[in-house]
Amino acid sequence: EDSKGTGWGMGAISNARWGGCLLRDVLAGELGVKSVEDAERLNVKHVIFESFDSMQASIPIEKVLDPFGDVILAYEMNGEEIPLEHGYPIRAIVPGYVGVRNVKWVKSIRLSSEEAEGPWQRGMNYKVFSPSVKDLNGVDIDKVPTIMEMPVQSVIVSPQNGQEVEMAPGEDMTVKGYSWSGGGRGIVRVDV
């Protein structure tokens, strides 16, 4: 059954060795925001990244301030200056979060009490809907949570999509694939 939203097929995944500075250290050194208590005192709930092409996305301040959050402002990729197509001069790297939160071409960073405006943050394609939601009639999109951590993803690689497999009655079939999730959570099981 077709669903609404951005179709990514088998998803998007990549890896690189990023170099840069921890955003947590920048906030502590430049603004004195060193803890969640500091952020609460200043009414800061979100960090908004804006790119040179005016795209905006935000992440919760708790992710930035978490000692294990590892949010960096990257200026290197695989030991070299980040190429333009991957976000030069600065790219936000937010481990475990969906790709849209890893903003390329960062022009500015703001602390805010509200999440970023715009379709990349508040649009329908970046919200978490129950599988039972078939259309948006009567749905208040503003009340639906924005996707932050990468949800569990899985892909079957064998047999391939559309491949026909002949089997004898009672014969077992081996299905192969992989799965991953954001936030460093392990996979308990994948239902086929």
Protein backbone atom coordinates (compact mmCIF):
# COMPACT_ATOMS: atom_id res chain seq x y z
CA GLU A 1 0.00 0.00 0.00
CA ASP A 2 1.38 3.40 -0.97
CA SER A 3 1.95 5.90 1.82
CA LYS A 4 2.14 9.67 1.87
CA GLY A 5 5.42 11.52 2.32
CA THR A 6 8.89 11.33 0.90
CA GLY A 7 9.58 7.91 -0.59
CA TRP A 8 13.14 6.83 0.14
CA GLY A 9 12.82 3.25 -1.06
CA MET A 10 15.50 1.34 0.83
CA GLY A 11 16.50 4.55 2.61
CA ALA A 12 19.66 6.58 2.58
CA ILE A 13 22.72 5.56 4.53
CA SER A 14 26.34 6.56 4.37
CA ASN A 15 29.37 6.83 6.55
CA ALA A 16 32.28 9.19 6.83
CA ARG A 17 34.84 10.26 9.40
CA TRP A 18 33.80 13.77 10.44
CA GLY A 19 36.11 16.33 12.03
CA GLY A 20 35.02 19.48 13.79
CA CYS A 21 34.15 20.89 17.17
CA LEU A 22 31.47 19.82 19.61
CA LEU A 23 28.54 22.22 19.48
CA ARG A 24 28.23 21.66 23.24
CA ASP A 25 31.71 23.20 23.70
CA VAL A 26 30.86 26.18 21.48
CA LEU A 27 27.69 26.93 23.45
CA ALA A 28 29.55 26.61 26.75
CA GLY A 29 32.49 28.78 25.68
CA GLU A 30 30.63 31.45 23.72
CA LEU A 31 27.29 31.69 25.54
CA GLY A 32 27.85 30.07 28.92
CA VAL A 33 25.21 27.40 28.21
CA LYS A 34 26.81 24.38 29.85
CA SER A 35 23.84 22.40 31.16
CA VAL A 36 20.16 21.73 30.71
CA GLU A 37 19.61 23.93 33.77
CA ASP A 38 21.36 26.84 32.01
CA ALA A 39 19.15 26.26 28.96
CA GLU A 40 15.98 26.14 31.09
CA ARG A 41 16.95 29.37 32.84
CA LEU A 42 17.28 31.03 29.40
CA ASN A 43 14.10 29.33 28.06
CA VAL A 44 16.13 27.51 25.38
CA LYS A 45 14.55 24.32 24.10
CA HIS A 46 15.89 24.06 20.56
CA VAL A 47 19.00 24.78 18.50
CA ILE A 48 18.08 26.05 15.03
CA PHE A 49 20.49 25.64 12.12
CA GLU A 50 19.97 27.79 9.03
CA SER A 51 21.79 27.04 5.80
CA PHE A 52 23.00 29.39 3.08
CA ASP A 53 20.07 28.21 0.94
CA SER A 54 17.65 29.31 3.74
CA MET A 55 16.70 25.80 4.85
CA GLN A 56 16.06 25.63 8.61
CA ALA A 57 15.97 22.60 10.92
CA SER A 58 16.31 22.26 14.66
CA ILE A 59 17.16 19.73 17.33
CA PRO A 60 16.37 19.66 21.05
CA ILE A 61 18.93 21.41 23.28
CA GLU A 62 19.15 18.22 25.36
CA LYS A 63 20.72 16.39 22.40
CA VAL A 64 23.37 19.09 22.06
CA LEU A 65 24.20 19.24 25.78
CA ASP A 66 24.22 15.47 26.34
CA PRO A 67 27.84 14.35 26.96
CA PHE A 68 27.09 11.37 24.70
CA GLY A 69 25.12 13.39 22.10
CA ASP A 70 28.26 14.11 20.03
CA VAL A 71 26.66 16.88 17.95
CA ILE A 72 29.48 18.52 16.02
CA LEU A 73 29.99 21.43 13.70
CA ALA A 74 31.97 19.59 11.05
CA TYR A 75 34.51 21.22 8.78
CA GLU A 76 36.33 18.02 7.77
CA MET A 77 35.17 14.86 6.07
CA ASN A 78 37.49 11.86 5.88
CA GLY A 79 40.47 13.96 6.96
CA GLU A 80 39.98 16.68 4.35
CA GLU A 81 38.02 19.93 4.08
CA ILE A 82 34.33 19.12 3.57
CA PRO A 83 33.49 19.19 -0.15
CA LEU A 84 30.82 21.68 -1.20
CA GLU A 85 28.29 18.95 -2.03
CA HIS A 86 28.59 17.57 1.52
CA GLY A 87 28.11 20.87 3.33
CA TYR A 88 31.16 23.16 3.03
CA PRO A 89 32.00 25.31 4.95
CA ILE A 90 30.20 23.89 8.02
CA ARG A 91 27.80 21.00 8.42
CA ALA A 92 25.88 20.02 11.55
CA ILE A 93 26.39 16.34 12.33
CA VAL A 94 23.74 14.95 14.66
CA PRO A 95 24.44 11.23 15.24
CA GLY A 96 21.39 8.99 15.35
CA TYR A 97 19.05 11.66 13.96
CA VAL A 98 17.35 11.70 10.57
CA GLY A 99 19.37 13.21 7.75
CA VAL A 100 17.44 16.48 7.49
CA ARG A 101 18.71 17.45 10.98
CA ASN A 102 22.32 17.19 9.71
CA VAL A 103 22.12 20.58 8.04
CA LYS A 104 24.61 21.35 5.26
CA TRP A 105 26.06 24.77 4.44
CA VAL A 106 25.38 26.16 7.95
CA LYS A 107 25.12 29.95 7.88
CA SER A 108 23.77 30.58 11.38
CA ILE A 109 22.90 28.84 14.64
CA ARG A 110 20.23 30.19 16.99
CA LEU A 111 18.96 29.13 20.39
CA SER A 112 15.17 29.21 20.63
CA SER A 113 12.19 28.31 22.78
CA GLU A 114 10.46 26.92 19.65
CA GLU A 115 11.52 24.47 16.97
CA ALA A 116 12.42 25.83 13.53
CA GLU A 117 9.73 27.08 11.16
CA GLY A 118 9.32 25.76 7.66
CA PRO A 119 8.58 22.54 5.80
CA TRP A 120 11.85 20.78 6.73
CA GLN A 121 10.88 20.91 10.40
CA ARG A 122 7.12 21.20 10.58
CA GLY A 123 6.05 19.80 7.22
CA MET A 124 4.08 16.61 6.79
CA ASN A 125 7.06 14.65 5.40
CA TYR A 126 9.00 15.10 8.66
CA LYS A 127 6.30 14.07 11.14
CA VAL A 128 5.67 10.75 12.86
CA PHE A 129 2.28 9.33 11.89
CA SER A 130 0.70 6.09 13.01
CA PRO A 131 0.42 3.47 10.25
CA SER A 132 -3.35 3.78 10.62
CA VAL A 133 -3.27 7.38 9.31
CA LYS A 134 -4.24 7.10 5.63
CA ASP A 135 -4.84 10.80 4.93
CA LEU A 136 -4.50 14.08 6.79
CA ASN A 137 -8.18 15.06 6.88
CA GLY A 138 -8.88 16.27 10.41
CA VAL A 139 -5.23 15.89 11.50
CA ASP A 140 -3.67 18.91 13.22
CA ILE A 141 -0.13 18.57 11.86
CA ASP A 142 1.21 21.05 14.43
CA LYS A 143 0.35 18.57 17.20
CA VAL A 144 2.13 15.63 15.54
CA PRO A 145 5.73 15.10 16.74
CA THR A 146 8.58 15.97 14.41
CA ILE A 147 10.94 13.12 13.52
CA MET A 148 14.26 13.49 15.34
CA GLU A 149 15.92 10.12 16.00
CA MET A 150 16.12 7.79 13.05
CA PRO A 151 13.33 5.22 13.42
CA VAL A 152 14.13 1.53 12.99
CA GLN A 153 14.87 0.76 9.37
CA SER A 154 15.28 -2.65 7.75
CA VAL A 155 15.95 -3.87 4.24
CA ILE A 156 15.61 -7.32 2.70
CA VAL A 157 18.44 -7.88 0.21
CA SER A 158 17.82 -11.54 -0.57
CA PRO A 159 15.61 -12.49 -2.22
CA GLN A 160 15.67 -9.28 -4.22
CA ASN A 161 12.56 -7.14 -4.61
CA GLY A 162 10.33 -8.68 -7.28
CA GLN A 163 12.39 -11.88 -7.50
CA GLU A 164 10.29 -15.04 -7.84
CA VAL A 165 11.48 -18.00 -5.80
CA GLU A 166 10.28 -21.53 -6.45
CA MET A 167 9.88 -23.60 -3.32
CA ALA A 168 8.72 -27.11 -2.62
CA PRO A 169 5.89 -27.52 -0.08
CA GLY A 170 7.30 -27.37 3.47
CA GLU A 171 10.67 -26.04 2.29
CA ASP A 172 12.25 -23.28 4.39
CA MET A 173 13.47 -20.07 2.82
CA THR A 174 16.40 -18.00 4.00
CA VAL A 175 15.76 -14.26 3.96
CA LYS A 176 18.75 -11.93 4.38
CA GLY A 177 18.94 -8.25 5.13
CA TYR A 178 20.05 -5.64 7.60
CA SER A 179 18.54 -3.20 10.05
CA TRP A 180 19.60 -0.16 12.05
CA SER A 181 18.14 2.50 14.27
CA GLY A 182 18.96 5.97 15.51
CA GLY A 183 19.90 6.89 19.03
CA GLY A 184 22.25 3.95 19.47
CA ARG A 185 19.46 1.55 20.25
CA GLY A 186 19.93 -2.09 19.38
CA ILE A 187 17.54 -4.04 17.19
CA VAL A 188 15.54 -6.59 19.14
CA ARG A 189 13.86 -8.21 16.15
CA VAL A 190 12.65 -7.57 12.62
CA ASP A 191 9.25 -8.93 11.64
CA VAL A 192 8.90 -10.15 8.07
